[in-house]
Protein backbone atom coordinates (compact mmCIF):
# COMPACT_ATOMS: atom_id res chain seq x y z
CA MET A 1 -56.69 -34.51 1.40
CA PRO A 2 -54.31 -37.12 -0.07
CA ASP A 3 -54.66 -40.79 0.78
CA ARG A 4 -51.77 -41.68 3.08
CA PHE A 5 -49.59 -44.77 2.85
CA ASP A 6 -46.35 -45.97 4.36
CA MET A 7 -45.02 -46.46 0.84
CA VAL A 8 -46.25 -45.51 -2.62
CA VAL A 9 -44.71 -47.59 -5.40
CA VAL A 10 -44.82 -46.30 -8.97
CA GLY A 11 -44.68 -49.26 -11.36
CA ALA A 12 -45.88 -52.87 -11.06
CA GLY A 13 -42.95 -54.61 -12.76
CA PRO A 14 -40.57 -57.00 -10.98
CA ALA A 15 -39.00 -54.33 -8.71
CA GLY A 16 -42.28 -52.62 -7.87
CA GLU A 17 -44.24 -55.79 -7.18
CA LYS A 18 -41.59 -57.32 -4.90
CA ALA A 19 -40.94 -54.05 -3.06
CA ALA A 20 -44.67 -53.66 -2.37
CA ALA A 21 -45.05 -57.27 -1.23
CA GLN A 22 -41.96 -57.00 1.00
CA ALA A 23 -43.27 -53.89 2.72
CA ALA A 24 -46.80 -55.24 3.06
CA TYR A 25 -45.48 -58.48 4.56
CA PHE A 26 -44.14 -56.36 7.42
CA ASP A 27 -47.55 -54.72 7.95
CA LYS A 28 -46.92 -51.53 6.01
CA ARG A 29 -49.74 -49.83 4.14
CA VAL A 30 -48.72 -49.85 0.49
CA ALA A 31 -50.15 -48.58 -2.80
CA VAL A 32 -48.87 -49.48 -6.26
CA VAL A 33 -49.56 -47.17 -9.20
CA GLU A 34 -49.53 -48.68 -12.69
CA ALA A 35 -50.57 -47.09 -15.97
CA ALA A 36 -50.67 -50.27 -18.06
CA PRO A 37 -53.72 -52.55 -17.88
CA ALA A 38 -51.46 -55.62 -17.70
CA LEU A 39 -49.17 -55.90 -14.69
CA GLY A 40 -45.65 -57.27 -14.62
CA GLY A 41 -43.82 -54.61 -16.62
CA ALA A 42 -41.25 -55.57 -19.26
CA MET A 43 -40.75 -58.97 -17.61
CA ALA A 44 -44.27 -60.14 -18.48
CA ALA A 45 -44.73 -58.09 -21.63
CA SER A 46 -41.35 -58.65 -23.26
CA ALA A 47 -38.78 -60.78 -21.45
CA LEU A 48 -41.01 -63.76 -20.63
CA THR A 49 -42.73 -63.44 -23.99
CA THR A 50 -39.38 -63.80 -25.76
CA LYS A 51 -38.55 -66.87 -23.67
CA ALA A 52 -41.94 -68.36 -24.48
CA MET A 53 -41.28 -67.69 -28.17
CA ARG A 54 -37.99 -69.54 -27.84
CA GLU A 55 -39.54 -72.65 -26.35
CA ALA A 56 -42.42 -72.62 -28.82
CA ALA A 57 -40.05 -72.20 -31.77
CA LEU A 58 -37.92 -75.13 -30.62
CA TYR A 59 -40.94 -77.37 -30.09
CA LEU A 60 -42.91 -76.43 -33.20
CA THR A 61 -39.98 -76.63 -35.61
CA GLY A 62 -37.82 -79.36 -34.09
CA PHE A 63 -34.85 -77.02 -34.54
CA LYS A 64 -31.58 -78.59 -33.30
CA ARG A 65 -33.35 -81.92 -32.60
CA ARG A 66 -34.43 -83.18 -36.03
CA HIS A 67 -31.09 -84.88 -36.56
CA VAL A 68 -31.66 -87.11 -33.51
CA TYR A 69 -34.54 -89.06 -35.05
CA GLY A 70 -34.43 -87.82 -38.62
CA ALA A 71 -37.97 -86.47 -38.29
CA GLY A 72 -39.82 -83.52 -36.83
CA ILE A 73 -43.09 -81.63 -36.74
CA ASP A 74 -43.92 -80.28 -40.20
CA LEU A 75 -46.38 -77.41 -39.90
CA HIS A 76 -47.20 -74.65 -42.34
CA PRO A 77 -45.03 -71.61 -41.46
CA GLN A 78 -48.09 -69.42 -40.85
CA ALA A 79 -49.50 -72.02 -38.47
CA VAL A 80 -46.20 -72.01 -36.56
CA ILE A 81 -46.35 -68.23 -36.20
CA GLU A 82 -49.96 -68.26 -34.99
CA LEU A 83 -49.28 -71.00 -32.43
CA LEU A 84 -46.12 -69.24 -31.26
CA ARG A 85 -47.90 -65.92 -30.78
CA ALA A 86 -50.79 -67.58 -28.96
CA ARG A 87 -48.40 -69.30 -26.57
CA ALA A 88 -46.50 -66.06 -25.90
CA VAL A 89 -49.75 -64.20 -25.20
CA ASP A 90 -50.91 -66.94 -22.82
CA VAL A 91 -47.66 -66.86 -20.85
CA ALA A 92 -47.66 -63.06 -20.58
CA ALA A 93 -51.28 -63.06 -19.41
CA SER A 94 -50.69 -65.75 -16.78
CA MET A 95 -47.67 -63.91 -15.38
CA SER A 96 -49.61 -60.64 -15.28
CA ASP A 97 -52.43 -62.39 -13.42
CA ALA A 98 -49.89 -63.82 -10.97
CA VAL A 99 -48.61 -60.32 -10.17
CA ARG A 100 -52.14 -59.06 -9.61
CA ALA A 101 -52.92 -62.00 -7.32
CA ASN A 102 -49.71 -61.47 -5.33
CA LEU A 103 -50.53 -57.80 -4.69
CA ALA A 104 -54.07 -58.71 -3.64
CA ARG A 105 -52.78 -61.47 -1.33
CA HIS A 106 -50.61 -58.92 0.47
CA HIS A 107 -53.47 -56.38 0.62
CA VAL A 108 -51.57 -53.89 -1.53
CA GLU A 109 -53.87 -51.26 -3.05
CA LEU A 110 -53.55 -51.14 -6.83
CA VAL A 111 -54.20 -47.70 -8.32
CA THR A 112 -54.53 -47.53 -12.11
CA GLY A 113 -53.42 -44.41 -13.96
CA THR A 114 -50.49 -42.24 -14.97
CA ALA A 115 -48.33 -41.07 -12.07
CA ARG A 116 -46.55 -37.77 -11.52
CA LEU A 117 -44.46 -36.88 -8.49
CA GLY A 118 -45.44 -33.88 -6.42
CA PRO A 119 -43.98 -32.12 -3.38
CA ASP A 120 -43.46 -33.84 -0.01
CA ARG A 121 -43.53 -37.38 -1.38
CA THR A 122 -46.93 -37.12 -3.02
CA VAL A 123 -47.94 -38.86 -6.24
CA THR A 124 -50.80 -37.62 -8.41
CA VAL A 125 -52.53 -40.34 -10.41
CA VAL A 126 -54.57 -39.50 -13.50
CA PRO A 127 -56.84 -42.37 -14.63
CA ALA A 128 -56.97 -43.18 -18.35
CA ASP A 129 -60.78 -42.99 -18.36
CA GLY A 130 -60.75 -39.25 -17.63
CA SER A 131 -62.13 -39.55 -14.12
CA ALA A 132 -60.86 -37.33 -11.31
CA ALA A 133 -57.20 -37.45 -10.40
CA ARG A 134 -56.19 -38.92 -7.06
CA THR A 135 -53.32 -37.83 -4.82
CA LEU A 136 -51.40 -40.38 -2.77
CA ALA A 137 -48.99 -39.39 -0.01
CA GLY A 138 -46.29 -41.77 1.17
CA SER A 139 -43.83 -41.74 4.01
CA VAL A 140 -41.58 -42.88 1.16
CA VAL A 141 -42.00 -43.17 -2.60
CA LEU A 142 -40.34 -45.92 -4.65
CA ILE A 143 -39.99 -45.42 -8.40
CA ALA A 144 -39.90 -48.70 -10.33
CA THR A 145 -41.22 -47.69 -13.73
CA GLY A 146 -38.84 -49.84 -15.78
CA SER A 147 -37.51 -49.00 -19.22
CA HIS A 148 -38.24 -49.10 -22.93
CA PRO A 149 -36.06 -49.68 -26.02
CA PHE A 150 -33.59 -46.99 -27.01
CA HIS A 151 -34.12 -45.65 -30.53
CA PRO A 152 -30.83 -44.59 -32.15
CA PRO A 153 -31.16 -41.28 -33.98
CA GLY A 154 -31.66 -41.48 -37.71
CA VAL A 155 -33.34 -44.89 -37.66
CA PRO A 156 -36.86 -44.80 -39.21
CA PHE A 157 -38.83 -46.63 -36.55
CA ASP A 158 -42.03 -45.31 -38.13
CA ASP A 159 -41.42 -47.83 -40.92
CA PRO A 160 -43.48 -50.97 -40.09
CA ASP A 161 -40.53 -53.20 -41.00
CA VAL A 162 -38.04 -51.44 -38.67
CA LEU A 163 -38.57 -52.89 -35.21
CA ASP A 164 -37.20 -52.56 -31.70
CA SER A 165 -36.94 -55.25 -29.04
CA GLU A 166 -40.59 -54.83 -28.04
CA THR A 167 -42.31 -54.54 -31.41
CA ALA A 168 -40.27 -57.53 -32.66
CA ARG A 169 -42.41 -59.90 -30.62
CA GLU A 170 -45.53 -58.84 -32.53
CA LEU A 171 -44.56 -60.79 -35.64
CA ASP A 172 -47.72 -61.80 -37.49
CA ARG A 173 -46.32 -63.66 -40.50
CA PRO A 174 -43.27 -65.77 -41.44
CA MET A 175 -40.18 -63.93 -42.61
CA ARG A 176 -37.74 -64.96 -45.30
CA SER A 177 -34.97 -62.63 -44.16
CA LEU A 178 -34.10 -60.54 -41.11
CA VAL A 179 -31.25 -58.36 -39.89
CA VAL A 180 -30.74 -58.01 -36.13
CA VAL A 181 -28.54 -55.11 -35.00
CA GLY A 182 -26.70 -55.61 -31.73
CA GLY A 183 -24.50 -58.14 -29.99
CA GLY A 184 -26.08 -58.27 -26.54
CA ALA A 185 -28.45 -60.76 -24.94
CA VAL A 186 -31.67 -59.51 -26.56
CA ALA A 187 -30.12 -59.34 -30.03
CA CYS A 188 -28.75 -62.88 -29.78
CA GLU A 189 -32.05 -64.21 -28.45
CA TYR A 190 -34.10 -62.74 -31.27
CA ALA A 191 -31.58 -63.68 -33.96
CA SER A 192 -31.52 -67.34 -32.91
CA ILE A 193 -35.29 -67.57 -32.36
CA PHE A 194 -36.12 -66.24 -35.82
CA MET A 195 -33.43 -68.45 -37.33
CA ALA A 196 -35.20 -71.42 -35.72
CA LEU A 197 -38.41 -70.22 -37.35
CA GLY A 198 -36.79 -70.47 -40.76
CA ALA A 199 -35.68 -66.93 -41.52
CA GLU A 200 -32.36 -66.12 -43.15
CA VAL A 201 -30.79 -64.08 -40.33
CA THR A 202 -27.86 -61.66 -40.36
CA LEU A 203 -26.59 -60.43 -37.00
CA VAL A 204 -24.73 -57.11 -37.23
CA ASP A 205 -22.58 -56.21 -34.23
CA ARG A 206 -20.17 -53.28 -33.94
CA GLY A 207 -18.18 -55.16 -31.28
CA ALA A 208 -15.47 -57.75 -31.80
CA GLN A 209 -17.19 -60.32 -29.56
CA LEU A 210 -20.82 -61.30 -29.22
CA LEU A 211 -22.12 -61.09 -25.65
CA PRO A 212 -18.96 -59.30 -24.42
CA PHE A 213 -19.74 -59.99 -20.76
CA LEU A 214 -19.31 -63.73 -21.38
CA ASP A 215 -16.13 -65.74 -21.03
CA SER A 216 -14.39 -65.34 -24.41
CA GLU A 217 -14.36 -69.10 -25.08
CA CYS A 218 -18.09 -69.28 -24.44
CA SER A 219 -18.77 -66.26 -26.62
CA ALA A 220 -16.80 -67.82 -29.48
CA LEU A 221 -18.76 -71.06 -29.06
CA VAL A 222 -22.08 -69.19 -29.31
CA ALA A 223 -20.94 -67.40 -32.47
CA GLU A 224 -19.74 -70.70 -33.94
CA SER A 225 -23.10 -72.30 -33.15
CA PHE A 226 -24.96 -69.44 -34.82
CA ARG A 227 -22.84 -69.72 -37.96
CA SER A 228 -23.07 -73.50 -38.15
CA SER A 229 -26.86 -73.20 -37.99
CA GLY A 230 -26.86 -70.88 -40.98
CA MET A 231 -26.75 -67.40 -39.44
CA THR A 232 -24.48 -64.73 -40.90
CA VAL A 233 -22.61 -62.94 -38.09
CA LEU A 234 -20.95 -59.65 -39.04
CA ALA A 235 -18.64 -58.58 -36.21
CA ARG A 236 -16.90 -55.18 -36.04
CA THR A 237 -19.63 -53.84 -38.31
CA ALA A 238 -21.66 -50.70 -37.70
CA VAL A 239 -24.90 -49.58 -39.34
CA ALA A 240 -24.38 -46.50 -41.51
CA GLY A 241 -28.05 -46.03 -42.31
CA VAL A 242 -31.44 -47.60 -42.89
CA ALA A 243 -33.81 -46.40 -45.58
CA ARG A 244 -36.53 -47.56 -47.93
CA ASP A 245 -36.01 -47.16 -51.66
CA ALA A 246 -37.47 -48.59 -54.85
CA GLY A 247 -35.95 -51.96 -54.01
CA GLY A 248 -37.44 -52.07 -50.52
CA LEU A 249 -35.74 -51.84 -47.16
CA ALA A 250 -31.98 -51.20 -47.36
CA LEU A 251 -29.51 -51.37 -44.48
CA HIS A 252 -26.10 -49.88 -45.24
CA THR A 253 -23.05 -50.94 -43.21
CA ASP A 254 -19.98 -48.85 -42.55
CA GLY A 255 -18.06 -51.23 -44.80
CA GLY A 256 -20.18 -50.32 -47.80
CA ALA A 257 -22.36 -53.44 -47.87
CA VAL A 258 -26.09 -53.12 -48.53
CA LEU A 259 -28.40 -55.67 -46.88
CA ARG A 260 -31.99 -56.03 -48.05
CA PRO A 261 -33.98 -57.91 -45.40
CA GLU A 262 -37.74 -58.02 -45.00
CA LYS A 263 -37.37 -56.60 -41.49
CA VAL A 264 -34.72 -55.12 -39.21
CA ILE A 265 -34.65 -55.43 -35.42
CA PHE A 266 -32.59 -52.90 -33.46
CA ALA A 267 -31.60 -54.13 -29.99
CA ALA A 268 -29.66 -51.07 -28.90
CA GLY A 269 -30.14 -50.85 -25.15
CA ARG A 270 -32.84 -49.34 -22.95
CA VAL A 271 -34.07 -45.95 -21.74
CA GLY A 272 -35.66 -45.29 -18.34
CA ASN A 273 -39.43 -44.75 -18.25
CA THR A 274 -39.22 -41.38 -16.55
CA GLU A 275 -40.40 -38.81 -19.12
CA GLU A 276 -43.84 -38.16 -17.59
CA LEU A 277 -42.95 -38.45 -13.90
CA GLY A 278 -41.94 -34.84 -13.30
CA LEU A 279 -38.66 -35.93 -11.75
CA SER A 280 -36.78 -32.69 -12.35
CA ALA A 281 -39.34 -30.65 -10.43
CA ALA A 282 -39.27 -33.25 -7.66
CA GLY A 283 -35.48 -32.99 -7.40
CA VAL A 284 -34.72 -36.49 -8.72
CA ASP A 285 -31.57 -36.64 -10.86
CA THR A 286 -31.40 -38.73 -14.06
CA ASP A 287 -28.78 -39.37 -16.75
CA ASP A 288 -29.04 -38.76 -20.50
CA ARG A 289 -31.01 -41.99 -20.96
CA GLY A 290 -33.57 -41.16 -18.29
CA ARG A 291 -32.09 -43.56 -15.74
CA ILE A 292 -32.35 -42.51 -12.10
CA ALA A 293 -29.18 -42.09 -10.05
CA VAL A 294 -29.26 -43.91 -6.68
CA ASP A 295 -26.83 -44.65 -3.87
CA ASP A 296 -26.12 -48.07 -2.38
CA HIS A 297 -29.35 -47.83 -0.34
CA PHE A 298 -31.36 -47.04 -3.52
CA ARG A 299 -31.97 -43.47 -2.39
CA THR A 300 -32.37 -40.86 -5.10
CA SER A 301 -31.28 -37.22 -4.85
CA ALA A 302 -34.73 -36.32 -3.41
CA PRO A 303 -35.36 -37.02 0.31
CA GLY A 304 -37.69 -39.97 0.87
CA VAL A 305 -37.70 -41.00 -2.80
CA TYR A 306 -36.14 -44.32 -3.76
CA ALA A 307 -35.76 -46.15 -7.08
CA ALA A 308 -35.06 -49.73 -8.16
CA GLY A 309 -35.15 -52.00 -11.19
CA ASP A 310 -34.48 -51.24 -14.84
CA VAL A 311 -35.16 -47.54 -14.26
CA ILE A 312 -31.78 -47.25 -12.48
CA GLY A 313 -29.89 -49.00 -15.29
CA PRO A 314 -27.75 -52.17 -15.49
CA PRO A 315 -27.88 -55.05 -14.91
CA ALA A 316 -31.57 -54.66 -15.89
CA LEU A 317 -32.40 -58.28 -15.09
CA ALA A 318 -35.80 -59.23 -13.69
CA SER A 319 -34.08 -61.32 -11.00
CA ALA A 320 -31.84 -58.46 -9.89
CA SER A 321 -34.72 -55.96 -10.10
CA MET A 322 -36.81 -58.07 -7.73
CA GLU A 323 -34.00 -58.13 -5.18
CA GLN A 324 -33.35 -54.41 -5.60
CA GLY A 325 -37.02 -53.73 -4.89
CA ARG A 326 -37.00 -55.83 -1.74
CA VAL A 327 -33.78 -54.28 -0.43
CA ALA A 328 -34.95 -50.75 -1.27
CA ALA A 329 -38.19 -51.32 0.65
CA CYS A 330 -36.25 -52.54 3.68
CA TYR A 331 -33.96 -49.51 3.68
CA ALA A 332 -36.80 -47.07 2.99
CA LEU A 333 -39.02 -48.35 5.80
CA ASP A 334 -36.30 -49.46 8.23
CA ILE A 335 -37.26 -53.11 7.97
CA PRO A 336 -34.50 -55.33 9.45
CA PHE A 337 -34.63 -58.05 6.83
CA LYS A 338 -32.79 -57.70 3.48
CA GLN A 339 -29.87 -55.28 3.41
CA THR A 340 -27.91 -56.31 0.31
CA VAL A 341 -28.53 -57.46 -3.23
CA ASP A 342 -26.78 -60.73 -4.01
CA PRO A 343 -23.32 -59.89 -5.41
CA LEU A 344 -23.31 -63.27 -7.16
CA THR A 345 -26.32 -62.71 -9.39
CA PRO A 346 -26.31 -65.18 -12.29
CA PHE A 347 -26.72 -63.90 -15.83
CA GLY A 348 -28.61 -65.99 -18.38
CA VAL A 349 -29.04 -65.53 -22.12
CA TYR A 350 -32.00 -67.41 -23.61
CA SER A 351 -30.58 -67.75 -27.08
CA ILE A 352 -30.28 -71.02 -28.99
CA PRO A 353 -28.04 -72.33 -27.47
CA GLU A 354 -28.53 -70.89 -23.99
CA CYS A 355 -25.60 -69.51 -22.05
CA ALA A 356 -25.17 -68.50 -18.42
CA LEU A 357 -22.51 -67.30 -16.02
CA VAL A 358 -21.94 -66.50 -12.37
CA GLY A 359 -18.78 -65.26 -10.71
CA ILE A 360 -15.69 -64.04 -12.55
CA THR A 361 -14.31 -64.90 -15.97
CA GLU A 362 -10.86 -66.18 -16.82
CA VAL A 363 -9.89 -62.70 -18.06
CA GLU A 364 -11.07 -61.09 -14.82
CA ALA A 365 -9.08 -63.62 -12.80
CA LYS A 366 -5.99 -62.70 -14.81
CA VAL A 367 -6.57 -58.96 -14.35
CA GLU A 368 -6.95 -59.48 -10.61
CA GLY A 369 -3.58 -61.24 -10.56
CA ARG A 370 -4.97 -64.52 -9.27
CA ASN A 371 -3.17 -67.84 -9.52
CA TYR A 372 -6.02 -69.59 -11.30
CA ALA A 373 -6.83 -72.61 -13.43
CA VAL A 374 -9.82 -73.63 -15.51
CA GLY A 375 -11.60 -76.92 -16.03
CA VAL A 376 -13.89 -77.76 -18.93
CA SER A 377 -16.40 -80.53 -19.60
CA TYR A 378 -18.04 -80.73 -23.02
CA PHE A 379 -21.62 -81.88 -23.37
CA ALA A 380 -20.47 -83.96 -26.35
CA ASP A 381 -19.09 -86.34 -23.68
CA ASN A 382 -22.19 -86.25 -21.46
CA SER A 383 -24.57 -89.23 -21.56
CA ARG A 384 -27.76 -87.23 -20.88
CA ALA A 385 -26.86 -84.77 -23.63
CA ALA A 386 -26.27 -87.67 -26.02
CA ILE A 387 -29.70 -89.10 -25.23
CA ALA A 388 -31.42 -85.73 -25.67
CA GLY A 389 -29.43 -84.72 -28.75
CA THR A 390 -28.17 -81.57 -27.00
CA THR A 391 -24.44 -82.22 -27.22
CA GLU A 392 -23.54 -78.64 -28.09
CA GLY A 393 -21.80 -76.66 -25.36
CA LEU A 394 -19.75 -76.95 -22.21
CA VAL A 395 -19.37 -76.29 -18.50
CA LYS A 396 -16.29 -74.23 -17.64
CA LEU A 397 -15.04 -73.60 -14.10
CA VAL A 398 -12.58 -70.90 -13.04
CA VAL A 399 -10.73 -71.95 -9.88
CA ASP A 400 -8.17 -70.46 -7.49
CA CYS A 401 -5.12 -72.74 -7.57
CA ASP A 402 -4.00 -71.81 -4.07
CA ASP A 403 -7.03 -73.21 -2.27
CA ARG A 404 -9.13 -74.80 -5.09
CA ARG A 405 -11.93 -72.34 -4.33
CA LEU A 406 -14.46 -71.89 -7.11
CA LEU A 407 -14.35 -68.39 -8.66
CA GLY A 408 -16.66 -68.58 -11.66
CA VAL A 409 -18.98 -70.84 -13.65
CA HIS A 410 -19.63 -70.45 -17.39
CA ILE A 411 -22.05 -72.65 -19.32
CA VAL A 412 -23.16 -72.88 -22.95
CA GLY A 413 -25.84 -75.37 -23.95
CA GLU A 414 -29.41 -76.40 -23.43
CA GLY A 415 -30.43 -75.89 -19.81
CA ALA A 416 -27.50 -73.56 -19.04
CA THR A 417 -29.73 -71.10 -17.19
CA GLU A 418 -30.84 -73.87 -14.81
CA LEU A 419 -27.46 -75.58 -14.40
CA VAL A 420 -25.68 -72.36 -13.41
CA HIS A 421 -27.41 -72.26 -10.03
CA GLN A 422 -25.51 -75.31 -8.75
CA GLY A 423 -22.28 -73.43 -9.25
CA GLN A 424 -23.82 -70.31 -7.73
CA ALA A 425 -24.60 -72.23 -4.52
CA VAL A 426 -20.98 -73.41 -4.20
CA LEU A 427 -19.74 -69.85 -4.83
CA HIS A 428 -22.04 -68.48 -2.13
CA PHE A 429 -20.59 -70.77 0.49
CA GLY A 430 -17.00 -70.19 -0.58
CA GLY A 431 -16.79 -73.79 -1.68
CA THR A 432 -14.04 -75.58 -3.55
CA ILE A 433 -14.21 -77.87 -6.56
CA ASP A 434 -13.83 -80.74 -4.09
CA TYR A 435 -17.58 -80.48 -3.68
CA PHE A 436 -18.06 -81.55 -7.30
CA ILE A 437 -15.36 -84.23 -6.98
CA HIS A 438 -16.95 -85.89 -3.95
CA ALA A 439 -20.64 -85.33 -4.76
CA THR A 440 -22.57 -88.11 -6.48
CA PHE A 441 -24.57 -86.95 -9.49
CA ASP A 442 -27.29 -89.05 -11.02
CA VAL A 443 -26.35 -90.60 -14.35
CA PRO A 444 -27.48 -89.70 -16.92
CA THR A 445 -27.79 -86.00 -16.06
CA MET A 446 -26.40 -82.78 -17.48
CA SER A 447 -25.32 -81.85 -13.93
CA ASP A 448 -22.71 -84.60 -14.08
CA ALA A 449 -20.69 -82.28 -16.33
CA TYR A 450 -19.69 -80.33 -13.21
CA LYS A 451 -17.78 -83.34 -11.87
CA TYR A 452 -15.76 -83.79 -15.04
CA ALA A 453 -15.04 -80.08 -15.34
CA ALA A 454 -13.68 -80.26 -11.78
CA TYR A 455 -11.54 -83.32 -12.63
CA ASP A 456 -10.25 -81.53 -15.71
CA CYS A 457 -9.27 -78.58 -13.55
CA LEU A 458 -7.44 -80.85 -11.07
CA GLN A 459 -5.51 -82.48 -13.90
CA ARG A 460 -4.52 -79.10 -15.37
CA MET A 461 -3.32 -77.94 -11.95
CA ALA A 462 -1.41 -81.20 -11.52
CA ARG A 463 0.35 -80.74 -14.85
CA SER A 464 1.28 -77.16 -14.02
CA GLN A 465 2.42 -77.95 -10.46
CA GLY A 466 3.94 -81.37 -11.11
CA ALA A 467 1.69 -82.94 -8.46
CA GLN A 468 -0.33 -86.12 -8.71
CA GLN A 469 -4.13 -85.90 -8.58
CA GLY A 470 -6.85 -88.54 -8.51
CA PRO A 471 -8.00 -90.27 -11.72
CA ALA A 472 -11.04 -89.00 -13.64
């Protein structure tokens, strides 16, 4: 007879962990099935590891800060790599342990093994040690198995120097040269991290604009920062082929150029981890990248089977996946708690420099036909940034001219992924830029840039409307 639970969760990444904890908090009997020995999914294994690599690279090399004092840490490149890897491993392990502790605290049963869906909301779990399989039956099943890097056809990933976004973090020696293919968040993060570590980096992007979801002014500022730091950015450039010849690794572009880096990283999107789940037999529909189709309640095409997180596709953010898991659990088990995922989810890119956004862009405001204005404050004019030597970047506000309501916040610069949440709070409460005008910000702080972006917006509106506004 199968072991019976109120909910069986497949996957212990951000969506699975938070869904299980949410259900257990409301006294539901929950089991989580995970094949990997380390919990936390791609967040712990890849995303947080990359962020840890970023911080370690900045600290160990003094990148972007050496000019402040004219001095920096001078370590042997191999020592930098070893310290960086050790720090990344420590962070991943601590986050994995935190997930395990959270499940135990909520009395969620953790079942280790490979899962496969069966009839009537059953899940068969086969342990890796060859011991007997176990069948779990749930009133509902939630699939939260995450994703893995997409491998474009024709790319020789069996070559040890051709990497994807997961194998890239396993660097074991310094590199002299690197090509990163892609213009999204992961590509920009890796390109800037390895540039900080001293590699000669070329970023190849088929698009016209890096990070196309960003405000165009912010995207251009990121590209300018990359180039000024020594990176080669090839926009509107596609990869025609990658091969190894007598001269080593060769990457051919569609323009006829041949690049010869030590390694290539392809950051070409993600594919759902659904191959071994038996979804077709269970009646669960997926797309051509293995991502599960769900409705606005996170229900799949199979009765009683739900899905959340990266396995359902974009935005594929750990923060959004956590909320999707919680909301899916509430719908699945009729828990009157969380019914919607935040429509104002912030998006952060942990490149060097960081960038973040929440709300709509200037282009989106124009498309929507809004009467809008923008206000900008540059960190070059911010006292805290001057002290820290982080004067690169800006805070940009998009505002409705009719009622001065804040519509969007866009930030480039150190600490952008923290600063964006102040703007998010104002957006949530339908606030206006008067909040920033009348609030008192400590000086020196980076947050003070919000006030001067708001003043800049008032002055732009005054010039366009012929009205008089207060002095900055």
